[in-house]
Amino acid sequence: MVDYSELHVTRTTTVAAPPEAVFGIIADVTRIGDLSPVCKAAWWDEGDEPDEGSAPREGTWFTGRNEMPGRDPWERRCEIVLVEPGRALGWVAGGRDEGVAEWTYRFRPVGDGTEVEESWRIIRDDERITGLGDDALKGLMTMTETGIETTLANLKKVAES
């Protein structure tokens, strides 16, 4: 039996930019290819594009295209489930009703910059997770940790340039 409370990763970094600016980079999901080592592109689903200069709304959807060595690329629709401009943004891959993984970013002012926290967690029982053996689960956790660390390092570069 998988203990889902253990299937989470959280990492932080400090960025020399204000929270609103860093939030804006993450909230523009079309920029994810500049940040993520796995999600190479993303686009808003038809009719869900935010108005220029505004944050996305809860309940809107985007699609991300993921690529990893050793497997065919795949796309996953994601539902925005948390929007607090300048403070937090989150989505569930597959949507809040059927999705398995939740991604959340939190932005806290620190000095002249922002502490950015990126979190990933498994939110429900699913055969894609329960069917994995211990080695595969460890691999998933390691891959996720590395991916988040890379994403945060890239976010720092983009926000500070």
Protein backbone atom coordinates (compact mmCIF):
# COMPACT_ATOMS: atom_id res chain seq x y z
CA MET A 1 0.00 0.00 0.00
CA VAL A 2 1.35 3.41 -0.99
CA ASP A 3 1.49 6.12 1.69
CA TYR A 4 0.50 9.18 -0.33
CA SER A 5 1.52 11.56 2.46
CA GLU A 6 5.12 10.68 1.59
CA LEU A 7 4.68 11.45 -2.11
CA HIS A 8 5.44 15.14 -2.04
CA VAL A 9 8.38 17.38 -2.81
CA THR A 10 8.89 21.03 -1.81
CA ARG A 11 11.85 23.22 -2.65
CA THR A 12 12.49 26.96 -2.29
CA THR A 13 14.76 29.58 -3.75
CA THR A 14 15.14 33.32 -3.34
CA VAL A 15 14.80 35.51 -6.40
CA ALA A 16 15.93 39.15 -6.69
CA ALA A 17 12.60 40.35 -8.09
CA PRO A 18 9.28 41.38 -6.53
CA PRO A 19 6.62 38.72 -5.87
CA GLU A 20 4.23 40.12 -8.48
CA ALA A 21 6.88 39.83 -11.21
CA VAL A 22 7.85 36.27 -10.28
CA PHE A 23 4.18 35.27 -10.01
CA GLY A 24 3.65 36.73 -13.49
CA ILE A 25 6.30 34.46 -14.99
CA ILE A 26 4.71 31.32 -13.52
CA ALA A 27 1.14 32.49 -14.24
CA ASP A 28 2.03 32.78 -17.93
CA VAL A 29 2.05 29.03 -18.55
CA THR A 30 3.18 29.62 -22.14
CA ARG A 31 6.64 30.36 -20.68
CA ILE A 32 7.01 26.96 -18.96
CA GLY A 33 9.37 25.74 -21.68
CA ASP A 34 11.88 28.35 -20.47
CA LEU A 35 11.78 26.87 -16.98
CA SER A 36 10.95 23.16 -16.80
CA PRO A 37 13.25 20.32 -17.82
CA VAL A 38 10.21 18.11 -18.56
CA CYS A 39 7.30 20.34 -19.62
CA LYS A 40 8.67 21.78 -22.85
CA ALA A 41 5.59 23.77 -23.90
CA ALA A 42 2.17 24.78 -22.61
CA TRP A 43 -0.79 26.64 -24.02
CA TRP A 44 -4.13 27.83 -22.73
CA ASP A 45 -7.09 25.74 -23.77
CA GLU A 46 -9.47 27.50 -26.13
CA GLY A 47 -11.40 30.22 -24.34
CA ASP A 48 -9.29 29.99 -21.17
CA GLU A 49 -6.59 32.50 -22.05
CA PRO A 50 -6.37 35.21 -19.38
CA ASP A 51 -6.81 38.80 -20.49
CA GLU A 52 -3.46 40.44 -21.19
CA GLY A 53 -1.81 41.54 -17.96
CA SER A 54 -4.20 39.64 -15.72
CA ALA A 55 -3.83 36.42 -13.77
CA PRO A 56 -5.55 33.22 -14.85
CA ARG A 57 -8.82 32.36 -13.14
CA GLU A 58 -9.53 29.30 -11.02
CA GLY A 59 -11.24 26.67 -13.13
CA THR A 60 -9.41 27.54 -16.36
CA TRP A 61 -7.40 24.90 -18.20
CA PHE A 62 -4.12 24.67 -20.06
CA THR A 63 -2.32 21.81 -21.77
CA GLY A 64 1.33 20.99 -21.22
CA ARG A 65 3.58 18.94 -23.49
CA ASN A 66 6.11 16.81 -21.60
CA GLU A 67 9.25 15.19 -22.95
CA MET A 68 11.65 12.80 -21.27
CA PRO A 69 14.38 10.54 -22.60
CA GLY A 70 13.23 6.97 -23.09
CA ARG A 71 9.55 7.63 -23.62
CA ASP A 72 7.28 9.22 -26.18
CA PRO A 73 6.22 12.83 -25.52
CA TRP A 74 2.82 13.22 -23.87
CA GLU A 75 0.34 15.98 -23.22
CA ARG A 76 -1.63 16.58 -20.05
CA ARG A 77 -4.48 19.01 -19.47
CA CYS A 78 -4.20 20.92 -16.20
CA GLU A 79 -6.81 22.86 -14.25
CA ILE A 80 -5.92 26.01 -12.36
CA VAL A 81 -7.12 25.43 -8.78
CA LEU A 82 -5.46 28.25 -6.83
CA VAL A 83 -4.92 31.88 -7.81
CA GLU A 84 -3.74 34.55 -5.38
CA PRO A 85 -1.95 37.14 -7.56
CA GLY A 86 1.54 37.83 -6.26
CA ARG A 87 1.13 35.13 -3.57
CA ALA A 88 0.20 31.69 -4.94
CA LEU A 89 -0.69 29.72 -8.05
CA GLY A 90 -1.57 26.04 -8.34
CA TRP A 91 -2.93 23.47 -10.75
CA VAL A 92 -3.85 19.82 -10.87
CA ALA A 93 -2.63 17.74 -13.80
CA GLY A 94 -5.76 16.04 -15.07
CA GLY A 95 -8.10 18.40 -13.22
CA ARG A 96 -9.39 18.58 -9.67
CA ASP A 97 -11.98 15.80 -10.21
CA GLU A 98 -9.70 13.17 -11.74
CA GLY A 99 -6.14 14.41 -11.48
CA VAL A 100 -3.40 12.77 -9.48
CA ALA A 101 -0.63 15.37 -9.10
CA GLU A 102 -0.92 18.92 -7.80
CA TRP A 103 1.67 21.62 -8.42
CA THR A 104 1.71 24.76 -6.24
CA TYR A 105 3.89 27.86 -6.23
CA ARG A 106 3.95 30.28 -3.30
CA PHE A 107 5.63 33.69 -3.37
CA ARG A 108 6.72 35.50 -0.18
CA PRO A 109 8.44 38.88 -0.04
CA VAL A 110 11.90 38.74 1.56
CA GLY A 111 14.08 41.84 1.66
CA ASP A 112 14.28 43.18 -1.90
CA GLY A 113 13.19 39.89 -3.44
CA THR A 114 10.92 36.88 -3.26
CA GLU A 115 11.12 33.48 -1.69
CA VAL A 116 9.58 31.07 -4.18
CA GLU A 117 8.32 27.69 -3.01
CA GLU A 118 7.44 25.03 -5.56
CA SER A 119 5.55 21.96 -4.34
CA TRP A 120 4.36 18.75 -5.96
CA ARG A 121 2.16 16.18 -4.29
CA ILE A 122 0.08 13.16 -5.14
CA ILE A 123 -3.49 13.94 -4.16
CA ARG A 124 -5.36 10.65 -4.71
CA ASP A 125 -5.09 6.94 -5.14
CA ASP A 126 -4.49 6.03 -8.77
CA GLU A 127 -3.31 2.90 -10.54
CA ARG A 128 -0.52 4.90 -12.21
CA ILE A 129 0.99 5.29 -8.72
CA THR A 130 -0.19 2.17 -6.91
CA GLY A 131 1.11 0.07 -9.79
CA LEU A 132 4.65 1.34 -9.35
CA GLY A 133 7.12 -0.70 -7.37
CA ASP A 134 9.36 0.78 -4.68
CA ASP A 135 12.24 1.39 -7.10
CA ALA A 136 9.97 3.18 -9.56
CA LEU A 137 8.48 5.32 -6.77
CA LYS A 138 11.98 6.27 -5.61
CA GLY A 139 12.84 7.13 -9.20
CA LEU A 140 9.71 9.28 -9.52
CA MET A 141 10.59 11.17 -6.35
CA THR A 142 14.21 11.71 -7.43
CA MET A 143 13.12 12.87 -10.90
CA THR A 144 10.59 15.26 -9.35
CA GLU A 145 13.13 16.68 -6.88
CA THR A 146 15.66 17.26 -9.65
CA GLY A 147 13.01 18.75 -11.93
CA ILE A 148 11.80 21.21 -9.30
CA GLU A 149 15.36 22.27 -8.46
CA THR A 150 16.07 22.87 -12.16
CA THR A 151 12.81 24.76 -12.64
CA LEU A 152 13.53 27.04 -9.68
CA ALA A 153 17.09 27.70 -10.87
CA ASN A 154 15.76 28.60 -14.33
CA LEU A 155 13.04 30.78 -12.83
CA LYS A 156 15.68 32.65 -10.86
CA LYS A 157 17.71 33.27 -14.05
CA VAL A 158 14.68 34.43 -16.02
CA ALA A 159 13.32 36.69 -13.24
CA GLU A 160 16.69 38.28 -12.53
CA SER A 161 17.63 38.96 -16.16
